[in-house]
């Protein structure tokens, strides 16, 4: 079945013409946003046209309010596992592009995927994102085996990955159904750019990714294959960021109207330099997004789609990531590697060439260890969360939103975040991180207003301290 294009390019660009709000308009929109019911496409178009720094600060302050009301101080952590950098596409901005001859290509074996998983577990991770280039060597059947091997891995402390998200190329309904059967979390696919004219410039015809409409409608096929938890994203720098934000809004509306639930997450990568890829150099990016505008658009999505998770990767510098968590970001990767085999030093391999670093998709901006990132989070009063309770309880898709919108999900999320944080402190944290993390947990326990809930939280935290694991509501 060939689905229809739901992006009206001319309409979205027209909304951005001479559309800066008056002071009264801005205040009305931001007051509306504080009700945490979301914003209209027209509201968002006006906010995207704001340039005055004082007015941008008002948007940031509103986003911080909405973020605190919905998420509190929780911040979810994960790490990607790149299973391969072989790719049949030739996207001009990507280090994995087919014509990049500087890259050492690699598709991991199942044993190597297990080793990558073990390295993440030994850091303390519980959530993984499986990702790869598009190639016949890592098709849907390969990914099914990779998911199984990743879930089956167990480190010396008995820890396992509790939730696997996947970021894969568009596929058929039948292949999506195969992924669904493997109990994945969220299916993620970036449109890269929603502007079809710009899209054609960056994704050569004759490759699978050259088909704009097939990519645009991949979430429709995912839903029809049974995957009701999806993540959207664009690569900022390819087209006018204001258009991209409106298009994300339209994509979310389409999913809500046709399938009953919008995206679980939206990701916000900016183009970063990649070896052997001249297009990705700063001077060649057609629509660069400066830090000021980047903070603005994160804040706008937070208030426009208040219950959607916002993801920032290690593309961004530590100081930028530390700022963005205040204004909307709810999930971050940590201690990431973007090349296949990047976590493992070669354990179990007899081939010396396997020990060499394979080519990465892009340059990292944040090189901190997981413990260093968590230490920063504690200093800011944040709760590092590895929680996967909602997925295993079936609180996903529309069911999750039914709890999130009236604020009921908080009674699950905060305690579950605290439980997984305590596990990390007991099993993987450095002594200094453990000490200040336990102090933070003591303070957080006192913030529960319901005495019965407070006692349940205290009880589970004690059980974890005594050796029990994987407790969640």
Protein backbone atom coordinates (compact mmCIF):
# COMPACT_ATOMS: atom_id res chain seq x y z
CA UNK A 1 0.00 0.00 0.00
CA UNK A 2 1.37 3.43 -0.98
CA UNK A 3 0.48 6.02 1.66
CA UNK A 4 -0.19 9.69 0.96
CA UNK A 5 2.03 12.72 1.58
CA UNK A 6 0.74 14.64 4.60
CA UNK A 7 3.31 17.48 4.48
CA UNK A 8 2.08 20.62 2.69
CA UNK A 9 5.39 22.34 1.97
CA UNK A 10 3.94 25.60 0.67
CA UNK A 11 1.52 25.94 3.57
CA UNK A 12 4.27 25.51 6.19
CA UNK A 13 6.64 28.00 4.60
CA UNK A 14 3.77 30.49 4.21
CA UNK A 15 3.13 30.32 7.96
CA UNK A 16 6.66 31.62 8.56
CA UNK A 17 6.38 34.75 6.42
CA UNK A 18 6.33 37.97 8.46
CA UNK A 19 4.72 36.14 11.37
CA UNK A 20 6.55 37.47 14.44
CA UNK A 21 4.10 37.78 17.34
CA UNK A 22 3.26 41.04 19.08
CA UNK A 23 4.06 41.22 22.78
CA UNK A 24 0.41 40.52 23.52
CA UNK A 25 0.37 37.52 21.15
CA UNK A 26 3.52 36.11 22.71
CA UNK A 27 2.17 36.39 26.24
CA UNK A 28 -1.13 34.77 25.22
CA UNK A 29 0.67 31.84 23.58
CA UNK A 30 2.97 31.30 26.54
CA UNK A 31 0.10 31.51 29.03
CA UNK A 32 -1.69 28.91 26.95
CA UNK A 33 1.46 26.76 26.98
CA UNK A 34 1.56 26.79 30.79
CA UNK A 35 -1.73 24.89 30.82
CA UNK A 36 0.32 22.00 29.38
CA UNK A 37 -2.20 21.09 26.70
CA UNK A 38 0.09 21.76 23.73
CA UNK A 39 -0.02 24.44 21.04
CA UNK A 40 -1.46 24.80 17.56
CA UNK A 41 0.60 24.88 14.38
CA UNK A 42 -0.14 28.60 14.08
CA UNK A 43 1.05 29.24 17.65
CA UNK A 44 4.29 27.42 16.98
CA UNK A 45 4.87 29.29 13.73
CA UNK A 46 4.71 32.58 15.63
CA UNK A 47 7.14 31.38 18.31
CA UNK A 48 9.59 30.23 15.64
CA UNK A 49 9.69 33.79 14.28
CA UNK A 50 10.76 35.27 17.64
CA UNK A 51 14.27 36.75 17.48
CA UNK A 52 14.43 39.15 20.44
CA UNK A 53 16.62 37.65 23.17
CA UNK A 54 14.33 38.75 26.00
CA UNK A 55 11.37 37.12 24.27
CA UNK A 56 13.38 33.95 23.65
CA UNK A 57 14.12 33.85 27.36
CA UNK A 58 10.39 33.95 28.04
CA UNK A 59 9.99 30.89 25.82
CA UNK A 60 12.83 29.14 27.66
CA UNK A 61 11.30 29.95 31.05
CA UNK A 62 7.94 28.56 29.93
CA UNK A 63 9.59 25.39 28.66
CA UNK A 64 11.40 24.95 31.96
CA UNK A 65 8.10 25.26 33.80
CA UNK A 66 6.43 22.65 31.55
CA UNK A 67 9.40 20.30 31.78
CA UNK A 68 9.41 20.49 35.59
CA UNK A 69 5.65 19.95 35.79
CA UNK A 70 5.70 16.83 33.62
CA UNK A 71 9.09 15.23 34.19
CA UNK A 72 10.28 16.76 37.41
CA UNK A 73 13.98 16.07 37.78
CA UNK A 74 14.04 12.74 35.94
CA UNK A 75 16.45 12.28 33.04
CA UNK A 76 16.57 9.00 31.12
CA UNK A 77 19.93 7.56 30.04
CA UNK A 78 20.75 5.18 27.19
CA UNK A 79 23.55 4.27 24.80
CA UNK A 80 23.60 3.28 21.11
CA UNK A 81 25.05 0.06 19.74
CA UNK A 82 26.10 0.48 16.12
CA UNK A 83 25.79 -2.97 14.59
CA UNK A 84 27.25 -1.97 11.22
CA UNK A 85 28.49 0.91 9.07
CA UNK A 86 27.96 -0.75 5.67
CA UNK A 87 25.36 1.24 3.72
CA UNK A 88 23.87 1.23 0.23
CA UNK A 89 22.79 4.88 0.50
CA UNK A 90 24.91 7.88 -0.41
CA UNK A 91 23.60 10.65 1.86
CA UNK A 92 25.99 13.55 1.41
CA UNK A 93 26.23 14.42 5.13
CA UNK A 94 26.84 10.94 6.57
CA UNK A 95 30.12 9.23 7.35
CA UNK A 96 28.55 5.89 6.45
CA UNK A 97 27.70 7.01 2.89
CA UNK A 98 28.46 4.44 0.20
CA UNK A 99 31.13 6.51 -1.59
CA UNK A 100 33.16 7.28 1.53
CA UNK A 101 36.33 5.32 0.75
CA UNK A 102 38.13 6.36 3.96
CA UNK A 103 35.87 4.25 6.15
CA UNK A 104 36.73 0.76 7.34
CA UNK A 105 33.44 -1.10 6.92
CA UNK A 106 32.17 -3.54 9.51
CA UNK A 107 28.98 -5.47 10.26
CA UNK A 108 29.13 -7.05 13.70
CA UNK A 109 28.68 -10.77 14.25
CA UNK A 110 26.27 -11.90 16.94
CA UNK A 111 29.20 -12.65 19.25
CA UNK A 112 30.48 -9.12 18.73
CA UNK A 113 27.02 -7.68 19.45
CA UNK A 114 27.03 -9.60 22.72
CA UNK A 115 30.44 -8.15 23.59
CA UNK A 116 29.25 -4.61 22.84
CA UNK A 117 26.23 -5.20 25.06
CA UNK A 118 28.39 -6.53 27.88
CA UNK A 119 30.57 -3.43 27.78
CA UNK A 120 27.49 -1.23 28.17
CA UNK A 121 26.21 -3.37 31.03
CA UNK A 122 29.54 -3.10 32.80
CA UNK A 123 29.23 0.69 32.69
CA UNK A 124 25.77 0.44 34.25
CA UNK A 125 23.53 0.93 31.22
CA UNK A 126 20.15 -0.81 31.05
CA UNK A 127 18.70 0.75 27.88
CA UNK A 128 20.22 0.34 24.41
CA UNK A 129 19.50 1.71 20.95
CA UNK A 130 20.43 -0.65 18.10
CA UNK A 131 21.39 1.27 14.97
CA UNK A 132 23.08 0.55 11.66
CA UNK A 133 23.52 1.60 8.07
CA UNK A 134 21.07 0.29 5.46
CA UNK A 135 22.51 -2.84 3.87
CA UNK A 136 21.44 -6.34 2.83
CA UNK A 137 24.01 -7.54 5.36
CA UNK A 138 21.91 -6.30 8.27
CA UNK A 139 18.32 -6.75 7.13
CA UNK A 140 15.27 -7.38 9.35
CA UNK A 141 16.24 -11.01 10.00
CA UNK A 142 19.73 -9.91 11.08
CA UNK A 143 18.22 -7.31 13.41
CA UNK A 144 15.87 -9.88 14.95
CA UNK A 145 18.90 -12.01 15.86
CA UNK A 146 20.77 -8.93 17.11
CA UNK A 147 17.87 -7.97 19.39
CA UNK A 148 17.70 -11.47 20.81
CA UNK A 149 21.45 -11.58 21.45
CA UNK A 150 21.40 -8.14 23.05
CA UNK A 151 18.57 -9.08 25.41
CA UNK A 152 20.26 -12.39 26.28
CA UNK A 153 23.59 -10.85 27.33
CA UNK A 154 24.28 -10.84 31.08
CA UNK A 155 27.25 -9.29 32.87
CA UNK A 156 29.10 -10.57 35.94
CA UNK A 157 26.61 -8.89 38.29
CA UNK A 158 23.67 -10.53 36.55
CA UNK A 159 22.53 -7.31 34.84
CA UNK A 160 20.79 -7.40 31.47
CA UNK A 161 19.53 -4.85 28.98
CA UNK A 162 15.91 -4.24 29.89
CA UNK A 163 14.80 -2.26 26.90
CA UNK A 164 16.03 -2.12 23.31
CA UNK A 165 14.98 0.66 20.98
CA UNK A 166 15.89 0.41 17.31
CA UNK A 167 16.84 3.06 14.77
CA UNK A 168 16.55 1.42 11.36
CA UNK A 169 15.76 2.25 7.78
CA UNK A 170 12.12 2.12 6.64
CA UNK A 171 10.82 -1.35 5.96
CA UNK A 172 7.72 -3.30 5.03
CA UNK A 173 4.76 -3.95 7.32
CA UNK A 174 5.81 -7.60 7.47
CA UNK A 175 9.32 -6.72 8.67
CA UNK A 176 7.95 -4.28 11.23
CA UNK A 177 5.81 -7.11 12.58
CA UNK A 178 8.97 -9.20 13.02
CA UNK A 179 10.52 -6.43 15.14
CA UNK A 180 7.36 -6.06 17.21
CA UNK A 181 7.47 -9.76 18.06
CA UNK A 182 10.93 -9.25 19.60
CA UNK A 183 9.56 -6.85 22.25
CA UNK A 184 11.38 -3.74 21.09
CA UNK A 185 10.70 -0.45 22.80
CA UNK A 186 10.56 2.49 20.39
CA UNK A 187 11.12 2.36 16.63
CA UNK A 188 13.06 5.46 15.56
CA UNK A 189 13.56 6.80 12.05
CA UNK A 190 14.66 10.31 11.08
CA UNK A 191 13.11 11.94 8.05
CA UNK A 192 16.39 13.96 7.87
CA UNK A 193 14.47 16.82 6.23
CA UNK A 194 10.75 17.14 5.56
CA UNK A 195 11.34 19.53 2.66
CA UNK A 196 11.01 17.30 -0.44
CA UNK A 197 13.00 19.70 -2.64
CA UNK A 198 15.91 19.85 -0.20
CA UNK A 199 15.61 16.12 0.49
CA UNK A 200 16.30 15.31 -3.17
CA UNK A 201 19.57 17.29 -3.04
CA UNK A 202 21.01 15.29 -0.15
CA UNK A 203 19.70 11.79 -0.93
CA UNK A 204 20.63 10.71 -4.46
CA UNK A 205 17.99 9.03 -6.58
CA UNK A 206 18.49 5.34 -7.27
CA UNK A 207 19.16 4.48 -3.63
CA UNK A 208 16.50 3.25 -1.20
CA UNK A 209 16.73 6.48 0.79
CA UNK A 210 16.19 8.54 -2.35
CA UNK A 211 12.45 7.79 -2.09
CA UNK A 212 11.12 10.69 0.00
CA UNK A 213 7.56 9.41 0.33
CA UNK A 214 8.57 5.87 1.31
CA UNK A 215 10.62 7.31 4.16
CA UNK A 216 7.96 9.83 5.16
CA UNK A 217 5.35 7.11 5.55
CA UNK A 218 7.48 4.53 7.33
CA UNK A 219 5.71 5.23 10.65
CA UNK A 220 2.40 4.35 9.00
CA UNK A 221 3.80 0.93 8.11
CA UNK A 222 5.30 0.58 11.59
CA UNK A 223 1.87 1.18 13.13
CA UNK A 224 0.29 -1.31 10.72
CA UNK A 225 2.96 -3.82 11.76
CA UNK A 226 1.94 -3.44 15.40
CA UNK A 227 4.58 -0.97 16.59
CA UNK A 228 2.66 1.75 18.43
CA UNK A 229 5.68 3.45 20.00
CA UNK A 230 7.66 5.52 17.51
CA UNK A 231 10.26 8.28 17.50
CA UNK A 232 10.66 11.10 14.97
CA UNK A 233 13.57 13.37 14.11
CA UNK A 234 15.30 15.52 11.52
CA UNK A 235 18.94 16.37 10.92
CA UNK A 236 19.15 20.07 11.64
CA UNK A 237 21.24 21.95 9.10
CA UNK A 238 19.72 20.59 5.90
CA UNK A 239 16.76 22.99 5.65
CA UNK A 240 15.23 25.96 7.49
CA UNK A 241 14.87 24.74 11.08
CA UNK A 242 11.58 26.60 11.42
CA UNK A 243 10.04 24.60 8.58
CA UNK A 244 11.34 21.36 10.10
CA UNK A 245 9.66 22.07 13.46
CA UNK A 246 6.31 22.76 11.80
CA UNK A 247 6.70 19.56 9.77
CA UNK A 248 7.38 17.53 12.92
CA UNK A 249 4.17 18.99 14.34
CA UNK A 250 2.30 17.92 11.22
CA UNK A 251 3.77 14.42 11.38
CA UNK A 252 2.69 14.13 15.01
CA UNK A 253 -0.81 15.35 14.10
CA UNK A 254 -1.02 12.78 11.29
CA UNK A 255 -0.10 9.95 13.67
CA UNK A 256 -2.59 11.12 16.29
CA UNK A 257 -5.42 11.42 13.80
CA UNK A 258 -4.80 8.19 11.89
CA UNK A 259 -3.41 5.90 14.62
CA UNK A 260 -4.55 7.39 17.90
CA UNK A 261 -1.18 8.38 19.32
CA UNK A 262 1.63 10.76 18.40
CA UNK A 263 5.37 10.08 18.69
CA UNK A 264 6.84 8.91 21.97
CA UNK A 265 10.06 10.82 21.25
CA UNK A 266 11.55 13.48 19.00
CA UNK A 267 15.33 13.59 18.46
CA UNK A 268 17.35 16.74 17.75
CA UNK A 269 20.69 16.02 16.05
CA UNK A 270 22.67 18.76 14.33
CA UNK A 271 25.10 17.96 11.51
CA UNK A 272 28.55 17.18 12.89
CA UNK A 273 31.78 16.61 10.95
CA UNK A 274 32.40 13.08 9.70
CA UNK A 275 35.64 11.65 8.30
CA UNK A 276 35.70 11.59 4.51
CA UNK A 277 32.53 13.67 4.25
CA UNK A 278 33.30 17.27 3.18
CA UNK A 279 29.62 18.29 3.18
CA UNK A 280 29.51 17.88 6.97
CA UNK A 281 32.16 20.55 7.58
CA UNK A 282 30.71 23.71 9.20
CA UNK A 283 31.41 25.93 6.17
CA UNK A 284 29.41 23.61 3.88
CA UNK A 285 26.23 23.17 5.95
CA UNK A 286 23.40 24.91 4.05
CA UNK A 287 21.25 25.93 7.04
CA UNK A 288 23.41 25.88 10.19
CA UNK A 289 21.59 26.15 13.52
CA UNK A 290 23.39 28.29 16.10
CA UNK A 291 23.25 27.52 19.82
CA UNK A 292 20.72 30.27 20.51
CA UNK A 293 18.30 28.96 17.91
CA UNK A 294 18.91 25.38 19.00
CA UNK A 295 17.89 26.16 22.56
CA UNK A 296 14.83 28.00 21.26
CA UNK A 297 13.57 25.10 19.16
CA UNK A 298 14.10 22.58 21.97
CA UNK A 299 12.01 24.83 24.21
CA UNK A 300 9.31 25.30 21.57
CA UNK A 301 8.84 21.56 21.03
CA UNK A 302 8.70 21.05 24.78
CA UNK A 303 5.77 23.45 25.16
CA UNK A 304 4.11 22.51 21.85
CA UNK A 305 4.25 18.73 22.44
CA UNK A 306 4.59 18.65 26.23
CA UNK A 307 4.33 14.89 26.79
CA UNK A 308 6.74 13.85 24.05
CA UNK A 309 10.24 12.77 25.07
CA UNK A 310 13.03 14.96 23.69
CA UNK A 311 16.36 13.27 22.96
CA UNK A 312 19.82 14.83 22.69
CA UNK A 313 22.82 12.70 21.79
CA UNK A 314 26.53 13.01 22.46
CA UNK A 315 26.88 15.02 19.23
CA UNK A 316 26.44 18.06 21.49
CA UNK A 317 29.09 19.50 23.80
CA UNK A 318 28.76 18.86 27.56
CA UNK A 319 27.93 22.49 28.36
CA UNK A 320 25.16 22.56 25.74
CA UNK A 321 23.66 19.28 26.96
CA UNK A 322 23.78 20.47 30.56
CA UNK A 323 21.81 23.57 29.53
CA UNK A 324 19.25 21.79 27.37
CA UNK A 325 18.08 19.43 30.10
CA UNK A 326 16.62 22.47 31.86
CA UNK A 327 14.54 23.56 28.89
CA UNK A 328 13.06 20.39 27.54
CA UNK A 329 15.41 17.45 27.01
CA UNK A 330 14.22 14.33 28.85
CA UNK A 331 16.54 11.64 27.42
CA UNK A 332 20.28 11.69 26.75
CA UNK A 333 22.80 9.19 25.52
CA UNK A 334 25.98 8.84 27.55
CA UNK A 335 29.46 7.39 26.96
CA UNK A 336 28.47 6.71 23.35
CA UNK A 337 30.49 5.27 20.49
CA UNK A 338 29.21 5.71 16.93
CA UNK A 339 31.29 3.05 15.19
CA UNK A 340 30.55 -0.70 15.18
CA UNK A 341 32.63 -2.44 17.82
CA UNK A 342 33.51 0.86 19.47
CA UNK A 343 32.87 -0.26 23.06
CA UNK A 344 34.75 -3.54 22.96
CA UNK A 345 38.54 -3.65 23.06
CA UNK A 346 38.54 -6.87 21.09
CA UNK A 347 37.56 -9.36 23.76
CA UNK A 348 37.18 -12.82 22.30
CA UNK A 349 38.52 -11.88 18.87
CA UNK A 350 41.52 -13.52 17.26
CA UNK A 351 41.62 -11.14 14.29
CA UNK A 352 43.93 -8.22 15.01
CA UNK A 353 42.16 -6.08 12.42
CA UNK A 354 39.00 -6.29 14.53
CA UNK A 355 40.76 -4.40 17.29
CA UNK A 356 41.21 -1.34 15.12
CA UNK A 357 38.68 1.42 15.40
CA UNK A 358 36.14 1.23 12.59
CA UNK A 359 34.77 4.34 10.96
CA UNK A 360 32.28 6.47 12.93
CA UNK A 361 29.10 8.06 11.62
CA UNK A 362 29.95 11.51 13.01
CA UNK A 363 32.20 13.33 15.47
CA UNK A 364 31.25 13.19 19.14
CA UNK A 365 30.96 16.35 21.22
CA UNK A 366 30.63 14.80 24.68
CA UNK A 367 33.29 12.27 25.66
CA UNK A 368 32.40 11.95 29.35
CA UNK A 369 32.00 8.53 30.93
CA UNK A 370 28.60 7.41 32.19
CA UNK A 371 29.75 7.97 35.76
CA UNK A 372 30.88 11.51 34.94
CA UNK A 373 27.53 12.31 33.30
CA UNK A 374 25.64 10.91 36.29
CA UNK A 375 27.84 12.88 38.67
CA UNK A 376 26.92 16.07 36.79
CA UNK A 377 23.24 15.14 36.96
CA UNK A 378 23.41 14.62 40.72
CA UNK A 379 25.04 18.02 41.16
CA UNK A 380 22.08 19.54 39.31
CA UNK A 381 19.56 17.65 41.44
CA UNK A 382 18.52 15.36 38.55
CA UNK A 383 17.48 11.74 38.95
CA UNK A 384 19.42 9.54 36.51
CA UNK A 385 16.86 7.03 35.24
CA UNK A 386 17.33 3.67 33.56
CA UNK A 387 13.65 2.86 34.06
CA UNK A 388 11.87 0.50 31.67
CA UNK A 389 8.82 -0.17 33.83
CA UNK A 390 6.22 1.29 31.48
CA UNK A 391 7.34 -0.91 28.61
CA UNK A 392 7.22 -4.07 30.64
CA UNK A 393 3.89 -3.10 32.21
CA UNK A 394 2.42 -2.31 28.80
CA UNK A 395 2.07 1.42 29.45
CA UNK A 396 2.99 2.42 25.89
CA UNK A 397 1.49 4.29 22.98
CA UNK A 398 -1.98 5.66 23.69
CA UNK A 399 -2.08 3.95 27.12
CA UNK A 400 1.01 5.90 28.18
CA UNK A 401 -0.45 9.19 26.95
CA UNK A 402 -3.74 8.51 28.78
CA UNK A 403 -1.75 8.43 32.02
CA UNK A 404 0.71 11.17 31.12
CA UNK A 405 -1.73 13.93 30.14
CA UNK A 406 -3.63 14.04 33.45
CA UNK A 407 -0.34 13.75 35.35
CA UNK A 408 -0.91 10.23 36.69
CA UNK A 409 2.28 8.81 35.20
CA UNK A 410 4.35 10.70 37.78
CA UNK A 411 3.38 8.19 40.46
CA UNK A 412 5.20 5.53 38.47
CA UNK A 413 8.04 7.43 36.84
CA UNK A 414 9.68 9.13 39.79
CA UNK A 415 9.78 6.04 42.04
CA UNK A 416 10.95 3.80 39.21
CA UNK A 417 13.69 6.27 38.29
CA UNK A 418 14.84 6.27 41.90
CA UNK A 419 14.93 2.47 42.01
CA UNK A 420 17.10 2.17 38.90
CA UNK A 421 19.33 4.99 40.18
CA UNK A 422 19.85 3.10 43.45
CA UNK A 423 20.81 -0.01 41.47
CA UNK A 424 23.42 1.98 39.58
CA UNK A 425 24.83 3.43 42.81
CA UNK A 426 25.11 -0.01 44.40
CA UNK A 427 26.57 -1.86 41.42
CA UNK A 428 28.53 0.50 39.17
CA UNK A 429 29.09 3.98 40.61
CA UNK A 430 32.44 5.36 41.70
CA UNK A 431 32.72 5.92 45.47
CA UNK A 432 32.23 9.69 45.20
CA UNK A 433 29.23 9.37 42.88
CA UNK A 434 27.71 6.72 45.14
CA UNK A 435 28.06 8.88 48.25
CA UNK A 436 26.41 11.97 46.83
CA UNK A 437 23.84 9.89 44.95
CA UNK A 438 22.64 8.25 48.16
CA UNK A 439 22.30 11.68 49.74
CA UNK A 440 20.17 12.83 46.83
CA UNK A 441 17.93 9.77 47.18
CA UNK A 442 17.37 10.57 50.86
CA UNK A 443 16.23 14.08 49.96
CA UNK A 444 14.01 12.85 47.14
CA UNK A 445 12.28 10.32 49.38
CA UNK A 446 11.07 13.15 51.60
CA UNK A 447 9.35 14.90 48.68
CA UNK A 448 6.48 12.39 48.35
CA UNK A 449 3.30 13.90 49.74
CA UNK A 450 1.38 10.60 49.92
CA UNK A 451 2.55 8.69 52.99
CA UNK A 452 1.67 5.27 51.56
CA UNK A 453 3.65 5.93 48.38
CA UNK A 454 6.58 7.26 50.40
CA UNK A 455 6.68 4.05 52.47
CA UNK A 456 6.57 1.87 49.35
CA UNK A 457 9.45 3.84 47.84
CA UNK A 458 11.51 3.62 51.04
CA UNK A 459 10.82 -0.11 51.23
CA UNK A 460 11.97 -0.80 47.69
CA UNK A 461 15.08 1.36 48.08
CA UNK A 462 16.01 -0.65 51.16
CA UNK A 463 15.43 -3.93 49.31
CA UNK A 464 17.73 -2.77 46.51
CA UNK A 465 20.38 -1.83 49.07
CA UNK A 466 20.09 -5.37 50.44
CA UNK A 467 20.61 -6.95 47.03
CA UNK A 468 17.22 -7.19 45.31
CA UNK A 469 17.07 -5.93 41.74
CA UNK A 470 14.63 -4.91 39.03
CA UNK A 471 11.87 -3.55 41.25
CA UNK A 472 9.30 -1.29 39.61
CA UNK A 473 5.68 -0.19 39.87
